[in-house]
Amino acid sequence: MKRGKSKFVVANTTSTAWGGRRRGGQRAPLSPNMLSTTPPPPQSSLPPSAGEKQDGSSDVEGNLEVVSLLAPSAHAIGFGAKINDNDRHPAASREGEGRRGRRPPVLRGGRSEARTGCRLGITRKNFGRVMMALAVDVSRFEGVPMAPPDPILGVSEAFKADQNDLKLNLGVGAYRTEELQPYVLNVVKKAETLMLEKGENKEYLPIEGLAAFNKATAELLFGADNPVLKQGRVATLQSLSGTGSLRLAAAFIQRYFPEAKVLISSPTWGNHKNIFNDAKVPWSEYRYYDPKTVGLDFEGMIADIQAAPDGSFVLLHGCAHNPTGIDPTPEQWEKIADVIQEKKHMPFFDVAYQGFASGSLDEDASSVRLFVQRGLEVFVAQSYSKNLGLYAERIGAINVVCSTPEVANRVKSQLKRLARPMYSNPPIHGARIVANVVGDPTMFGEWKQEMEEMAGRIKNVRQKLYDSLSAKDNSGKDWSFILRQIGMFSYTGLNKTQSDNMTDKWHIYMTKDGRISLAGLSLAKCEYLADAIIDSFHNVS
């Protein structure tokens, strides 16, 4: 396929000075001047005044004035700040008083002994300026508000606090057994045993990660015989699962495509917007979900992608769209690729469920491979949280398919440069697990079998939920959309008020957009869930 000029006009990073710590490897001590409201004069220009010793300490008999913290404009006064005469303590502002007579008690003194949390502060006049910091007990963090609970992870916190025996946690996308227990894959246990037997060390990885992992993950995604791999046109960096990979790519977009906008499906995974907001990358939404059909709004999706400015980034879910579970058909993927190619957009795939959606690694990667086959440059973020159950290992990768090997090398160098100040280098444990599983034919076969079993259990739960809803609901509502969805989630169509009823009345915890995780549901609980959905749908407006 003929390839055009690359969009990646970036410089190669051949060497980078990362800097060091000051003063012989130690950080410089914090200075009291950090509390100043105005900058202090250099210490060398501050001659000691009456009562002050050369070492910065102070005698009580020096030229001191006691200032109450209640003084309205002396709330947070530091070195070099001026105090209004009207704000001083009355006892200290009367002419001549407090100088020859009895002084108020002094809480230490001297420029070098400023303390926070004190009830009294001491100020010293020096050439008309206040040189002593006024101590306060008001926190510097008074302006920091309480953050709202995370819309997904906060669900689990609420679930743990619920003491009801019937409670169900269908919020977080984590696989559970039929007994609703976390599951560690047998092949993962084997890989870890092998690692222990080898006695491998815990040395730092390079910035780009474990070489064996990067090779394995790229081959899983694109296919081992894909020309883009043989030609060296893919820049792959191990990163911190899907979230870290997306965040690293977002930083790259912000730096090298500052005028570009990212298009995100409506709805999408709850953290996508957070990631691009944090990276200061502007985004807008394209239509995806049609509430009337509880299906894909394909015409709206195509229209919005066509209307976007040329050269936009289009974030696509490679398979098992989160939260809807609604994927385009192969024919629809072809049309999406046509429009993106026509508009010179950059496809950006989030692949979090390869092999976990259909049970087939190749089938779940078909959308990505279609775009690569057309000769497009592509971003792809990967995660192994779901398909290998490595949730806590934070193992994933960012892949960038480029037009030439030279461009791929430059892109990789800049991704490494961005990763260095973010997290320096990635963790090794999960990377070795993936590399061992994929690199060993026996374990690789066992992994594919376990993935099929996990995907199969979710499909069985999906079918049972549909059967229970159809049998219990006498309204004639068509619940078949549940069967047309794929992956670990089902988008029920319940609104926020109805979702609240699911939690408040039925103790079923879910996200407020109506998404439920079928991976956290057992066959035994399907009828109870069906009762809750029917009640919430028909009896709550």
Protein backbone atom coordinates (compact mmCIF):
# COMPACT_ATOMS: atom_id res chain seq x y z
CA MET A 1 0.00 0.00 0.00
CA LYS A 2 1.44 3.38 -0.92
CA ARG A 3 2.23 5.43 2.14
CA GLY A 4 2.09 9.19 2.29
CA LYS A 5 4.23 11.63 4.19
CA SER A 6 4.34 10.96 7.92
CA LYS A 7 2.48 13.22 10.32
CA PHE A 8 5.21 12.74 12.90
CA VAL A 9 7.60 15.66 12.37
CA VAL A 10 9.55 15.25 15.59
CA ALA A 11 13.23 15.44 16.48
CA ASN A 12 15.27 12.43 17.48
CA THR A 13 16.42 12.34 21.08
CA THR A 14 19.93 10.95 21.08
CA SER A 15 21.00 12.09 24.53
CA THR A 16 19.26 13.87 27.37
CA ALA A 17 20.68 15.43 30.49
CA TRP A 18 18.28 14.61 33.26
CA GLY A 19 19.87 16.92 35.79
CA GLY A 20 20.86 16.21 39.34
CA ARG A 21 20.30 17.35 42.86
CA ARG A 22 21.91 20.46 44.19
CA ARG A 23 24.57 20.65 46.83
CA GLY A 24 26.40 17.41 46.37
CA GLY A 25 23.37 15.20 45.76
CA GLN A 26 21.22 16.65 48.55
CA ARG A 27 18.24 18.85 48.07
CA ALA A 28 18.63 22.42 49.22
CA PRO A 29 16.85 23.00 52.56
CA LEU A 30 13.53 24.79 52.48
CA SER A 31 13.81 28.41 53.43
CA PRO A 32 11.44 30.34 55.68
CA ASN A 33 11.30 32.82 52.82
CA MET A 34 8.81 30.45 51.16
CA LEU A 35 6.22 31.94 53.51
CA SER A 36 6.92 35.48 52.36
CA THR A 37 4.31 37.71 50.85
CA THR A 38 7.09 39.89 49.39
CA PRO A 39 10.61 38.83 48.46
CA PRO A 40 13.25 39.36 51.16
CA PRO A 41 16.44 41.28 50.62
CA PRO A 42 19.50 39.02 50.30
CA GLN A 43 20.61 37.84 53.73
CA SER A 44 24.09 39.23 53.14
CA SER A 45 22.54 42.71 52.95
CA LEU A 46 20.81 42.47 56.31
CA PRO A 47 23.06 43.88 59.03
CA PRO A 48 22.08 42.73 62.51
CA SER A 49 20.10 45.34 64.38
CA ALA A 50 20.05 46.04 68.07
CA GLY A 51 19.52 42.90 70.08
CA GLU A 52 20.31 40.51 67.24
CA LYS A 53 23.41 38.37 67.27
CA GLN A 54 25.55 37.57 64.28
CA ASP A 55 24.23 33.98 64.21
CA GLY A 56 20.67 35.18 63.63
CA SER A 57 19.38 34.62 67.18
CA SER A 58 17.84 37.42 69.17
CA ASP A 59 17.82 38.67 72.72
CA VAL A 60 14.58 39.77 74.35
CA GLU A 61 16.15 43.13 75.06
CA GLY A 62 16.55 43.88 71.36
CA ASN A 63 14.42 46.19 69.26
CA LEU A 64 11.33 43.91 69.26
CA GLU A 65 7.65 44.48 68.95
CA VAL A 66 5.03 41.84 69.77
CA VAL A 67 2.25 41.57 67.22
CA SER A 68 -1.00 39.72 67.84
CA LEU A 69 -2.09 37.18 65.23
CA LEU A 70 -5.50 38.74 65.51
CA ALA A 71 -4.31 41.73 63.57
CA PRO A 72 -6.43 41.65 60.40
CA SER A 73 -3.71 42.42 57.86
CA ALA A 74 -1.00 40.43 59.66
CA HIS A 75 -2.68 37.12 58.84
CA ALA A 76 0.17 35.64 56.82
CA ILE A 77 3.14 37.97 57.02
CA GLY A 78 6.59 36.68 56.13
CA PHE A 79 10.06 38.08 55.67
CA GLY A 80 10.11 41.46 54.09
CA ALA A 81 6.39 42.15 54.70
CA LYS A 82 5.26 45.51 56.09
CA ILE A 83 2.87 45.81 59.01
CA ASN A 84 0.43 48.64 59.14
CA ASP A 85 0.68 50.60 62.39
CA ASN A 86 -3.07 50.30 62.80
CA ASP A 87 -2.80 46.52 62.72
CA ARG A 88 -0.36 46.22 65.59
CA HIS A 89 -1.37 45.09 69.03
CA PRO A 90 -2.68 48.12 70.94
CA ALA A 91 -0.09 47.59 73.66
CA ALA A 92 2.68 47.78 71.10
CA SER A 93 1.33 50.77 69.17
CA ARG A 94 1.20 53.27 72.02
CA GLU A 95 4.14 55.65 71.82
CA GLY A 96 6.86 54.75 74.26
CA GLU A 97 4.97 51.92 75.94
CA GLY A 98 6.36 48.42 76.06
CA ARG A 99 9.93 49.69 75.52
CA ARG A 100 11.03 50.60 79.04
CA GLY A 101 8.28 48.89 80.98
CA ARG A 102 7.36 45.25 81.27
CA ARG A 103 7.34 43.43 77.91
CA PRO A 104 4.76 40.86 76.84
CA PRO A 105 6.10 37.27 76.80
CA VAL A 106 8.27 36.47 73.82
CA LEU A 107 8.05 33.11 72.02
CA ARG A 108 11.66 32.60 70.90
CA GLY A 109 13.18 35.09 68.59
CA GLY A 110 15.50 35.60 65.70
CA ARG A 111 15.13 35.31 62.00
CA SER A 112 16.16 31.67 61.83
CA GLU A 113 13.65 30.34 64.34
CA ALA A 114 10.31 31.14 62.71
CA ARG A 115 7.74 28.46 63.54
CA THR A 116 4.25 27.63 62.37
CA GLY A 117 1.46 26.79 64.79
CA CYS A 118 2.50 29.51 67.28
CA ARG A 119 0.04 31.76 69.02
CA LEU A 120 2.41 34.72 69.08
CA GLY A 121 4.73 36.00 66.39
CA ILE A 122 7.62 38.37 66.83
CA THR A 123 8.56 41.09 64.41
CA ARG A 124 11.75 43.10 64.28
CA LYS A 125 12.08 46.48 62.67
CA ASN A 126 15.06 46.84 60.39
CA PHE A 127 15.29 49.89 58.12
CA GLY A 128 11.53 50.24 58.16
CA ARG A 129 10.83 46.64 57.11
CA VAL A 130 9.58 43.70 59.13
CA MET A 131 12.19 40.98 59.08
CA MET A 132 10.70 38.25 61.32
CA ALA A 133 8.12 35.81 59.95
CA LEU A 134 4.76 35.98 61.66
CA ALA A 135 3.75 32.44 62.51
CA VAL A 136 0.20 31.27 61.81
CA ASP A 137 -1.81 28.14 62.42
CA VAL A 138 -3.89 28.36 59.24
CA SER A 139 -2.91 25.55 56.82
CA ARG A 140 -1.38 26.42 53.48
CA PHE A 141 -3.86 23.90 52.06
CA GLU A 142 -6.99 25.80 53.13
CA GLY A 143 -7.82 26.45 49.48
CA VAL A 144 -7.74 22.76 48.50
CA PRO A 145 -11.33 21.45 48.14
CA MET A 146 -12.45 17.88 48.73
CA ALA A 147 -12.51 15.91 45.47
CA PRO A 148 -15.68 14.01 44.57
CA PRO A 149 -15.57 10.19 44.70
CA ASP A 150 -14.40 8.50 41.51
CA PRO A 151 -17.53 7.52 39.54
CA ILE A 152 -16.21 3.97 39.03
CA LEU A 153 -13.84 3.20 41.90
CA GLY A 154 -16.16 5.02 44.32
CA VAL A 155 -18.80 2.38 43.60
CA SER A 156 -16.61 -0.29 45.20
CA GLU A 157 -16.08 1.86 48.28
CA ALA A 158 -19.85 2.23 48.72
CA PHE A 159 -20.33 -1.50 48.14
CA LYS A 160 -17.87 -2.43 50.90
CA ALA A 161 -19.72 -0.21 53.37
CA ASP A 162 -23.07 -1.93 52.66
CA GLN A 163 -23.87 -4.70 55.17
CA ASN A 164 -26.81 -6.20 53.25
CA ASP A 165 -26.36 -9.88 52.30
CA LEU A 166 -28.02 -9.39 48.90
CA LYS A 167 -25.61 -6.71 47.72
CA LEU A 168 -23.98 -6.98 44.28
CA ASN A 169 -21.01 -5.04 42.94
CA LEU A 170 -21.50 -4.59 39.19
CA GLY A 171 -19.53 -1.36 38.98
CA VAL A 172 -15.86 -2.14 38.43
CA GLY A 173 -14.87 -4.15 35.37
CA ALA A 174 -13.05 -7.00 37.09
CA TYR A 175 -13.64 -10.68 36.37
CA ARG A 176 -15.17 -12.86 39.09
CA THR A 177 -15.79 -16.59 39.34
CA GLU A 178 -19.25 -18.09 39.62
CA GLU A 179 -18.75 -17.74 43.39
CA LEU A 180 -18.05 -14.01 42.78
CA GLN A 181 -14.43 -14.31 43.89
CA PRO A 182 -11.37 -12.74 42.22
CA TYR A 183 -9.63 -15.10 39.82
CA VAL A 184 -5.91 -15.56 39.23
CA LEU A 185 -5.33 -17.42 35.97
CA ASN A 186 -3.57 -20.76 36.30
CA VAL A 187 -1.18 -19.79 33.52
CA VAL A 188 -0.21 -16.68 35.49
CA LYS A 189 0.62 -18.84 38.51
CA LYS A 190 2.81 -21.04 36.29
CA ALA A 191 4.61 -18.03 34.86
CA GLU A 192 5.30 -16.67 38.34
CA THR A 193 6.60 -20.05 39.51
CA LEU A 194 8.94 -20.10 36.54
CA MET A 195 10.18 -16.62 37.44
CA LEU A 196 10.94 -17.72 41.00
CA GLU A 197 12.80 -20.78 39.78
CA LYS A 198 14.96 -18.63 37.52
CA GLY A 199 15.79 -16.32 40.41
CA GLU A 200 15.44 -13.22 38.26
CA ASN A 201 16.52 -9.90 39.74
CA LYS A 202 14.57 -6.69 40.31
CA GLU A 203 16.86 -4.27 38.49
CA TYR A 204 15.48 -1.19 36.73
CA LEU A 205 14.09 -1.70 33.25
CA PRO A 206 15.04 0.66 30.42
CA ILE A 207 12.63 3.55 29.85
CA GLU A 208 10.96 1.65 27.00
CA GLY A 209 10.41 -1.42 29.18
CA LEU A 210 11.21 -5.12 28.86
CA ALA A 211 12.31 -5.94 25.30
CA ALA A 212 10.74 -9.41 25.38
CA PHE A 213 7.42 -7.93 26.46
CA ASN A 214 7.46 -5.23 23.79
CA LYS A 215 8.09 -7.82 21.09
CA ALA A 216 5.34 -10.13 22.41
CA THR A 217 2.71 -7.42 22.82
CA ALA A 218 3.26 -5.95 19.35
CA GLU A 219 3.00 -9.41 17.75
CA LEU A 220 -0.23 -10.15 19.65
CA LEU A 221 -1.73 -6.89 18.48
CA PHE A 222 -0.67 -6.72 14.84
CA GLY A 223 0.09 -10.37 14.10
CA ALA A 224 3.60 -11.83 14.14
CA ASP A 225 3.89 -11.74 10.32
CA ASN A 226 2.59 -8.20 9.87
CA PRO A 227 4.83 -6.20 7.48
CA VAL A 228 4.84 -3.17 9.79
CA LEU A 229 6.73 -5.22 12.37
CA LYS A 230 9.14 -6.77 9.89
CA GLN A 231 9.89 -3.31 8.49
CA GLY A 232 10.46 -1.78 11.94
CA ARG A 233 7.67 0.79 11.54
CA VAL A 234 6.15 0.39 15.02
CA ALA A 235 7.31 2.32 18.09
CA THR A 236 6.34 0.29 21.18
CA LEU A 237 6.82 1.34 24.79
CA GLN A 238 5.78 -0.66 27.82
CA SER A 239 3.65 1.58 30.00
CA LEU A 240 1.40 1.58 33.06
CA SER A 241 -1.48 -0.50 31.73
CA GLY A 242 -4.13 1.13 29.55
CA THR A 243 -4.45 4.34 31.54
CA GLY A 244 -0.71 5.03 31.55
CA SER A 245 -0.45 4.24 27.85
CA LEU A 246 -3.27 6.62 27.01
CA ARG A 247 -1.78 9.33 29.21
CA LEU A 248 1.64 9.01 27.59
CA ALA A 249 0.09 9.28 24.13
CA ALA A 250 -1.95 12.29 25.26
CA ALA A 251 1.25 14.03 26.37
CA PHE A 252 2.77 13.30 22.96
CA ILE A 253 -0.28 14.77 21.20
CA GLN A 254 -0.17 17.88 23.37
CA ARG A 255 3.50 18.46 22.60
CA TYR A 256 3.63 17.72 18.87
CA PHE A 257 0.04 18.36 17.75
CA PRO A 258 -0.96 21.27 20.03
CA GLU A 259 -3.70 22.49 17.70
CA ALA A 260 -5.32 19.08 17.24
CA LYS A 261 -8.50 17.91 18.91
CA VAL A 262 -9.38 14.40 20.05
CA LEU A 263 -12.82 13.01 19.20
CA ILE A 264 -14.29 10.76 21.90
CA SER A 265 -17.38 8.57 21.64
CA SER A 266 -20.51 9.53 23.55
CA PRO A 267 -20.54 7.76 25.94
CA THR A 268 -17.06 6.46 26.68
CA TRP A 269 -15.00 5.00 29.52
CA GLY A 270 -15.15 7.39 32.46
CA ASN A 271 -11.39 8.02 32.58
CA HIS A 272 -10.88 9.02 28.93
CA LYS A 273 -11.95 12.61 29.48
CA ASN A 274 -9.90 12.87 32.68
CA ILE A 275 -6.78 11.74 30.82
CA PHE A 276 -7.07 14.29 28.03
CA ASN A 277 -8.13 17.06 30.39
CA ASP A 278 -5.10 16.41 32.56
CA ALA A 279 -2.84 16.48 29.49
CA LYS A 280 -4.51 19.73 28.36
CA VAL A 281 -5.61 18.16 25.08
CA PRO A 282 -8.93 19.54 23.80
CA TRP A 283 -11.62 17.01 22.94
CA SER A 284 -15.15 16.82 21.62
CA GLU A 285 -17.64 13.98 21.33
CA TYR A 286 -19.01 12.05 18.38
CA ARG A 287 -22.36 10.30 18.54
CA TYR A 288 -22.18 6.59 19.29
CA TYR A 289 -25.06 5.31 21.42
CA ASP A 290 -28.66 5.51 20.29
CA PRO A 291 -30.99 5.34 23.33
CA LYS A 292 -34.00 4.62 21.11
CA THR A 293 -32.57 1.37 19.80
CA VAL A 294 -30.07 0.77 22.65
CA GLY A 295 -27.64 0.27 19.78
CA LEU A 296 -25.08 2.07 17.64
CA ASP A 297 -25.91 5.46 16.14
CA PHE A 298 -23.77 4.71 13.11
CA GLU A 299 -25.05 7.54 10.91
CA GLY A 300 -24.46 10.08 13.68
CA MET A 301 -20.98 8.70 14.30
CA ILE A 302 -19.98 8.99 10.64
CA ALA A 303 -21.45 12.49 10.33
CA ASP A 304 -19.56 13.77 13.37
CA ILE A 305 -16.24 12.28 12.24
CA GLN A 306 -16.74 13.86 8.81
CA ALA A 307 -17.54 17.24 10.36
CA ALA A 308 -14.41 17.30 12.53
CA PRO A 309 -11.44 19.43 11.42
CA ASP A 310 -9.01 17.59 9.16
CA GLY A 311 -6.20 15.90 11.05
CA SER A 312 -8.17 15.29 14.25
CA PHE A 313 -7.44 12.29 16.46
CA VAL A 314 -10.34 9.83 16.67
CA LEU A 315 -10.40 7.66 19.79
CA LEU A 316 -11.88 4.26 18.94
CA HIS A 317 -12.55 1.23 21.14
CA GLY A 318 -10.90 -1.72 19.41
CA CYS A 319 -13.46 -4.20 20.72
CA ALA A 320 -16.07 -4.52 23.50
CA HIS A 321 -16.90 -0.81 23.65
CA ASN A 322 -16.93 0.48 27.21
CA PRO A 323 -19.54 1.20 28.55
CA THR A 324 -22.08 0.13 25.93
CA GLY A 325 -20.77 -3.25 24.76
CA ILE A 326 -21.85 -2.18 21.27
CA ASP A 327 -19.28 -2.71 18.49
CA PRO A 328 -19.47 -1.77 14.80
CA THR A 329 -19.85 -4.62 12.34
CA PRO A 330 -16.91 -5.47 10.01
CA GLU A 331 -18.68 -3.56 7.21
CA GLN A 332 -19.15 -0.54 9.46
CA TRP A 333 -15.47 -0.60 10.43
CA GLU A 334 -14.62 -0.36 6.72
CA LYS A 335 -16.77 2.74 6.38
CA ILE A 336 -15.24 4.30 9.50
CA ALA A 337 -11.77 3.71 8.03
CA ASP A 338 -12.86 5.32 4.75
CA VAL A 339 -13.96 8.52 6.46
CA ILE A 340 -10.89 8.73 8.71
CA GLN A 341 -8.59 8.22 5.73
CA GLU A 342 -10.48 10.78 3.66
CA LYS A 343 -10.30 13.41 6.42
CA LYS A 344 -6.62 12.68 7.18
CA HIS A 345 -7.56 11.93 10.77
CA MET A 346 -5.34 9.92 13.08
CA PRO A 347 -7.01 6.75 14.45
CA PHE A 348 -6.26 6.18 18.13
CA PHE A 349 -7.36 2.75 19.40
CA ASP A 350 -7.90 1.81 23.02
CA VAL A 351 -7.57 -2.00 23.16
CA ALA A 352 -8.37 -3.13 26.70
CA TYR A 353 -10.10 -6.45 26.02
CA GLN A 354 -8.20 -8.29 23.29
CA GLY A 355 -9.18 -11.96 23.53
CA PHE A 356 -11.52 -11.25 26.41
CA ALA A 357 -14.45 -10.03 24.31
CA SER A 358 -14.96 -12.83 21.79
CA GLY A 359 -12.47 -15.31 23.24
CA SER A 360 -10.23 -14.89 20.16
CA LEU A 361 -7.09 -12.73 20.17
CA ASP A 362 -7.17 -12.36 16.37
CA GLU A 363 -10.87 -11.53 16.09
CA ASP A 364 -10.66 -8.86 18.76
CA ALA A 365 -7.69 -7.22 17.00
CA SER A 366 -9.31 -7.19 13.54
CA SER A 367 -10.36 -3.52 13.68
CA VAL A 368 -6.81 -2.34 14.42
CA ARG A 369 -5.32 -4.57 11.74
CA LEU A 370 -7.78 -3.21 9.17
CA PHE A 371 -6.52 0.36 9.65
CA VAL A 372 -2.87 -0.73 9.63
CA GLN A 373 -3.42 -2.73 6.43
CA ARG A 374 -4.63 0.45 4.74
CA GLY A 375 -1.27 2.10 5.39
CA LEU A 376 -2.54 4.53 8.03
CA GLU A 377 -0.42 5.77 10.89
CA VAL A 378 -2.12 4.63 14.09
CA PHE A 379 -1.91 4.98 17.86
CA VAL A 380 -2.86 1.89 19.92
CA ALA A 381 -2.99 1.63 23.72
CA GLN A 382 -3.02 -1.88 25.19
CA SER A 383 -3.84 -3.34 28.61
CA TYR A 384 -3.41 -6.79 30.17
CA SER A 385 -5.63 -6.12 33.17
CA LYS A 386 -8.59 -8.04 31.80
CA ASN A 387 -7.33 -10.76 29.46
CA LEU A 388 -4.58 -11.96 31.85
CA GLY A 389 -6.20 -10.72 35.05
CA LEU A 390 -3.14 -8.58 35.87
CA TYR A 391 -5.16 -5.71 37.34
CA ALA A 392 -2.65 -4.72 40.01
CA GLU A 393 0.49 -5.23 37.90
CA ARG A 394 -0.26 -2.16 35.72
CA ILE A 395 1.08 -3.71 32.55
CA GLY A 396 0.29 -2.38 29.09
CA ALA A 397 1.86 -0.64 26.10
CA ILE A 398 1.55 2.27 23.73
CA ASN A 399 2.18 1.41 20.06
CA VAL A 400 2.57 3.95 17.26
CA VAL A 401 2.52 2.70 13.68
CA CYS A 402 4.57 5.06 11.51
CA SER A 403 5.21 5.48 7.78
CA THR A 404 8.92 4.62 7.94
CA PRO A 405 11.40 3.04 10.40
CA GLU A 406 13.20 6.38 10.72
CA VAL A 407 9.98 8.10 11.83
CA ALA A 408 9.25 5.26 14.27
CA ASN A 409 12.68 5.72 15.87
CA ARG A 410 12.11 9.44 16.35
CA VAL A 411 8.63 8.92 17.76
CA LYS A 412 9.93 6.29 20.17
CA SER A 413 12.72 8.59 21.34
CA GLN A 414 10.22 11.32 22.19
CA LEU A 415 7.85 8.91 23.95
CA LYS A 416 10.80 7.84 26.09
CA ARG A 417 11.60 11.46 26.77
CA LEU A 418 8.03 12.04 27.97
CA ALA A 419 7.97 8.87 30.07
CA ARG A 420 11.18 9.72 31.92
CA PRO A 421 9.80 12.58 34.08
CA MET A 422 6.42 10.87 34.43
CA TYR A 423 7.45 7.53 35.95
CA SER A 424 11.05 6.99 34.77
CA ASN A 425 10.68 3.32 33.86
CA PRO A 426 7.88 0.73 34.06
CA PRO A 427 7.49 -2.19 36.51
CA ILE A 428 9.02 -5.55 35.63
CA HIS A 429 6.84 -8.23 37.24
CA GLY A 430 3.81 -8.05 34.96
CA ALA A 431 6.01 -7.60 31.90
CA ARG A 432 7.82 -10.86 32.64
CA ILE A 433 4.51 -12.68 33.14
CA VAL A 434 3.25 -11.59 29.71
CA ALA A 435 6.58 -12.34 28.03
CA ASN A 436 6.75 -15.81 29.61
CA VAL A 437 3.15 -16.71 28.75
CA VAL A 438 3.31 -15.51 25.15
CA GLY A 439 6.83 -16.79 24.59
CA ASP A 440 6.13 -20.35 25.70
CA PRO A 441 3.90 -22.30 23.24
CA THR A 442 2.45 -24.50 25.98
CA MET A 443 1.55 -21.67 28.31
CA PHE A 444 0.30 -19.58 25.40
CA GLY A 445 -2.15 -22.34 24.49
CA GLU A 446 -3.30 -22.64 28.10
CA TRP A 447 -3.87 -18.89 28.24
CA LYS A 448 -6.05 -18.90 25.14
CA GLN A 449 -8.11 -21.72 26.65
CA GLU A 450 -8.60 -19.84 29.93
CA MET A 451 -9.59 -16.69 28.02
CA GLU A 452 -12.22 -18.68 26.13
CA GLU A 453 -13.55 -20.03 29.42
CA MET A 454 -13.78 -16.55 30.99
CA ALA A 455 -15.43 -15.09 27.89
CA GLY A 456 -17.76 -18.09 27.80
CA ARG A 457 -18.87 -17.61 31.41
CA ILE A 458 -19.76 -13.98 30.68
CA LYS A 459 -21.72 -15.03 27.59
CA ASN A 460 -23.66 -17.56 29.69
CA VAL A 461 -24.47 -14.91 32.30
CA ARG A 462 -25.59 -12.55 29.54
CA GLN A 463 -27.93 -15.19 28.11
CA LYS A 464 -29.34 -16.05 31.56
CA LEU A 465 -30.02 -12.39 32.34
CA TYR A 466 -31.85 -11.97 29.05
CA ASP A 467 -33.92 -15.12 29.69
CA SER A 468 -34.82 -13.92 33.20
CA LEU A 469 -35.85 -10.46 32.01
CA SER A 470 -37.95 -11.87 29.19
CA ALA A 471 -39.69 -14.34 31.50
CA LYS A 472 -40.41 -11.88 34.32
CA ASP A 473 -41.34 -8.74 32.36
CA ASN A 474 -44.94 -8.89 31.15
CA SER A 475 -44.84 -5.47 29.47
CA GLY A 476 -43.66 -6.82 26.15
CA LYS A 477 -40.41 -4.83 26.22
CA ASP A 478 -37.71 -6.22 23.95
CA TRP A 479 -34.58 -7.00 25.97
CA SER A 480 -32.68 -8.58 23.09
CA PHE A 481 -30.22 -5.67 22.96
CA ILE A 482 -28.45 -7.40 25.87
CA LEU A 483 -27.57 -10.29 23.58
CA ARG A 484 -26.30 -7.98 20.83
CA GLN A 485 -23.78 -6.40 23.17
CA ILE A 486 -20.37 -7.97 23.71
CA GLY A 487 -17.71 -8.13 26.39
CA MET A 488 -17.89 -7.77 30.12
CA PHE A 489 -20.39 -4.88 30.22
CA SER A 490 -24.05 -4.39 29.45
CA TYR A 491 -25.58 -0.98 28.93
CA THR A 492 -29.03 -1.41 30.46
CA GLY A 493 -30.55 1.88 29.31
CA LEU A 494 -31.38 2.84 32.91
CA ASN A 495 -31.00 6.54 33.71
CA LYS A 496 -29.36 8.01 36.81
CA THR A 497 -32.54 8.00 38.91
CA GLN A 498 -33.28 4.41 37.99
CA SER A 499 -29.66 3.45 38.71
CA ASP A 500 -29.98 5.09 42.12
CA ASN A 501 -33.03 2.93 42.78
CA MET A 502 -31.00 -0.15 41.91
CA THR A 503 -28.57 0.78 44.67
CA ASP A 504 -30.87 2.31 47.28
CA LYS A 505 -33.59 -0.34 47.14
CA TRP A 506 -31.91 -3.44 45.74
CA HIS A 507 -28.30 -2.98 46.96
CA ILE A 508 -26.95 -3.39 43.43
CA TYR A 509 -23.96 -1.11 42.86
CA MET A 510 -23.34 0.17 39.33
CA THR A 511 -22.24 3.33 37.55
CA LYS A 512 -24.86 6.04 37.20
CA ASP A 513 -24.98 5.77 33.41
CA GLY A 514 -26.74 2.39 33.64
CA ARG A 515 -23.68 0.23 32.92
CA ILE A 516 -23.38 -3.11 34.69
CA SER A 517 -20.40 -5.45 34.71
CA LEU A 518 -21.54 -8.94 33.80
CA ALA A 519 -18.11 -10.19 34.84
CA GLY A 520 -19.19 -9.54 38.43
CA LEU A 521 -22.50 -11.42 38.08
CA SER A 522 -23.17 -15.10 38.71
CA LEU A 523 -25.83 -17.31 37.15
CA ALA A 524 -27.41 -17.68 40.59
CA LYS A 525 -27.92 -13.90 40.89
CA CYS A 526 -29.42 -13.28 37.44
CA GLU A 527 -33.05 -13.53 38.53
CA TYR A 528 -32.51 -11.15 41.44
CA LEU A 529 -30.86 -8.67 39.07
CA ALA A 530 -33.73 -9.05 36.58
CA ASP A 531 -36.26 -8.19 39.31
CA ALA A 532 -34.30 -5.07 40.20
CA ILE A 533 -33.98 -3.92 36.57
CA ILE A 534 -37.69 -4.46 35.84
CA ASP A 535 -38.71 -2.57 38.99
CA SER A 536 -36.34 0.32 38.30
CA PHE A 537 -37.25 0.57 34.60
CA HIS A 538 -41.04 0.49 34.98
CA ASN A 539 -41.61 2.06 38.41
CA VAL A 540 -39.02 4.85 38.50
CA SER A 541 -39.33 7.66 36.00
